[in-house]
Amino acid sequence: MLALPKHIGADVATYDSPDNRIPKRILRCIADFTEIPEEDIAIGIDGCCVPNFALPIHSMAKSFINLLNPINFPEPTQAAAKRIVTAMMNHPELIGGSNASTPK
């Protein structure tokens, strides 16, 4: 969330505000990948003050399917999804949390 405002020229100081472009772009991306309209996604604030998006489990699963197989997205989004999946596969320790086991 801190790299994106620098990349797109948004205000870094207010990146955690619901009115900042960053949470709005993240919401749009989540809506696209989960195939749920933005207005149907509940938004809450976590302990570090950034917006979080509440989704049904089946919608979260749909987003992972779309991440792994982004054929219905424009080419730049497909390329980005492939880079994300490759990074996750090559470095699972970076996304597994502190209690994740390291692959052998």
Protein backbone atom coordinates (compact mmCIF):
# COMPACT_ATOMS: atom_id res chain seq x y z
CA MET A 1 0.00 0.00 0.00
CA LEU A 2 2.99 2.33 0.32
CA ALA A 3 4.60 1.52 -3.02
CA LEU A 4 1.44 2.08 -5.05
CA PRO A 5 0.94 5.77 -4.12
CA LYS A 6 4.53 6.49 -5.07
CA HIS A 7 4.05 4.61 -8.35
CA ILE A 8 0.85 6.46 -9.34
CA GLY A 9 1.62 9.85 -7.79
CA ALA A 10 -0.96 9.62 -4.99
CA ASP A 11 -0.59 11.12 -1.53
CA VAL A 12 1.56 8.77 0.59
CA ALA A 13 0.74 10.59 3.84
CA THR A 14 -2.95 9.64 3.61
CA TYR A 15 -2.65 6.23 1.94
CA ASP A 16 -4.74 4.69 4.75
CA SER A 17 -7.68 7.07 4.31
CA PRO A 18 -10.77 5.58 2.65
CA ASP A 19 -10.88 8.73 0.50
CA ASN A 20 -7.37 8.17 -0.90
CA ARG A 21 -7.04 6.71 -4.40
CA ILE A 22 -5.17 3.68 -3.05
CA PRO A 23 -8.01 1.94 -1.15
CA LYS A 24 -10.36 2.83 -4.01
CA ARG A 25 -8.07 1.15 -6.56
CA ILE A 26 -7.62 -1.87 -4.31
CA LEU A 27 -11.41 -2.13 -3.93
CA ARG A 28 -11.82 -2.01 -7.71
CA CYS A 29 -9.20 -4.75 -8.13
CA ILE A 30 -10.84 -6.93 -5.49
CA ALA A 31 -14.22 -6.42 -7.15
CA ASP A 32 -12.76 -7.43 -10.52
CA PHE A 33 -11.04 -10.57 -9.24
CA THR A 34 -13.90 -11.71 -6.96
CA GLU A 35 -16.54 -10.80 -9.57
CA ILE A 36 -18.55 -8.93 -6.93
CA PRO A 37 -19.76 -5.34 -7.53
CA GLU A 38 -17.83 -2.78 -5.46
CA GLU A 39 -21.00 -1.63 -3.71
CA ASP A 40 -21.60 -5.19 -2.44
CA ILE A 41 -18.22 -5.42 -0.70
CA ALA A 42 -18.31 -4.47 2.98
CA ILE A 43 -15.44 -2.32 4.22
CA GLY A 44 -14.05 -2.30 7.75
CA ILE A 45 -10.96 -0.87 9.42
CA ASP A 46 -8.36 -3.14 11.00
CA GLY A 47 -5.98 -2.47 13.87
CA CYS A 48 -3.55 -0.55 11.67
CA CYS A 49 -6.24 1.80 10.32
CA VAL A 50 -6.31 0.62 6.71
CA PRO A 51 -9.53 -0.41 5.00
CA ASN A 52 -10.21 -4.15 4.79
CA PHE A 53 -12.70 -5.73 2.48
CA ALA A 54 -15.16 -8.38 3.71
CA LEU A 55 -16.04 -11.10 1.24
CA PRO A 56 -17.72 -14.48 1.29
CA ILE A 57 -15.23 -17.37 1.25
CA HIS A 58 -16.42 -18.54 -2.17
CA SER A 59 -15.64 -15.08 -3.58
CA MET A 60 -12.14 -15.20 -2.11
CA ALA A 61 -11.68 -18.58 -3.79
CA LYS A 62 -12.92 -17.10 -7.08
CA SER A 63 -10.30 -14.35 -6.80
CA PHE A 64 -7.53 -16.96 -6.49
CA ILE A 65 -8.89 -18.81 -9.51
CA ASN A 66 -8.82 -15.54 -11.47
CA LEU A 67 -5.32 -14.79 -10.22
CA LEU A 68 -4.08 -18.19 -11.40
CA ASN A 69 -5.99 -18.06 -14.68
CA PRO A 70 -6.58 -14.39 -15.58
CA ILE A 71 -7.82 -15.03 -19.14
CA ASN A 72 -10.80 -12.65 -18.80
CA PHE A 73 -8.62 -9.65 -17.96
CA PRO A 74 -6.74 -7.22 -20.20
CA GLU A 75 -3.18 -8.23 -21.12
CA PRO A 76 -1.48 -5.88 -18.61
CA THR A 77 -3.55 -7.41 -15.79
CA GLN A 78 -2.79 -10.92 -17.05
CA ALA A 79 0.93 -10.12 -17.05
CA ALA A 80 0.74 -8.66 -13.53
CA ALA A 81 -1.16 -11.71 -12.26
CA LYS A 82 1.47 -14.01 -13.74
CA ARG A 83 4.25 -12.01 -12.04
CA ILE A 84 2.41 -12.21 -8.70
CA VAL A 85 1.84 -15.96 -8.97
CA THR A 86 5.46 -16.55 -9.97
CA ALA A 87 6.69 -14.50 -7.01
CA MET A 88 4.38 -16.38 -4.63
CA MET A 89 5.54 -19.74 -5.96
CA ASN A 90 9.21 -18.79 -5.83
CA HIS A 91 9.04 -17.20 -2.37
CA PRO A 92 6.19 -18.78 -0.36
CA GLU A 93 7.90 -17.80 2.89
CA LEU A 94 7.08 -14.16 2.14
CA ILE A 95 3.32 -14.76 2.09
CA GLY A 96 2.92 -17.61 4.58
CA GLY A 97 3.04 -15.65 7.80
CA SER A 98 5.27 -16.21 10.80
CA ASN A 99 3.91 -19.69 11.57
CA ALA A 100 4.23 -21.09 8.04
CA SER A 101 6.56 -24.00 7.50
CA THR A 102 9.39 -23.52 5.05
CA PRO A 103 9.33 -25.87 2.04
CA LYS A 104 12.19 -28.35 1.97
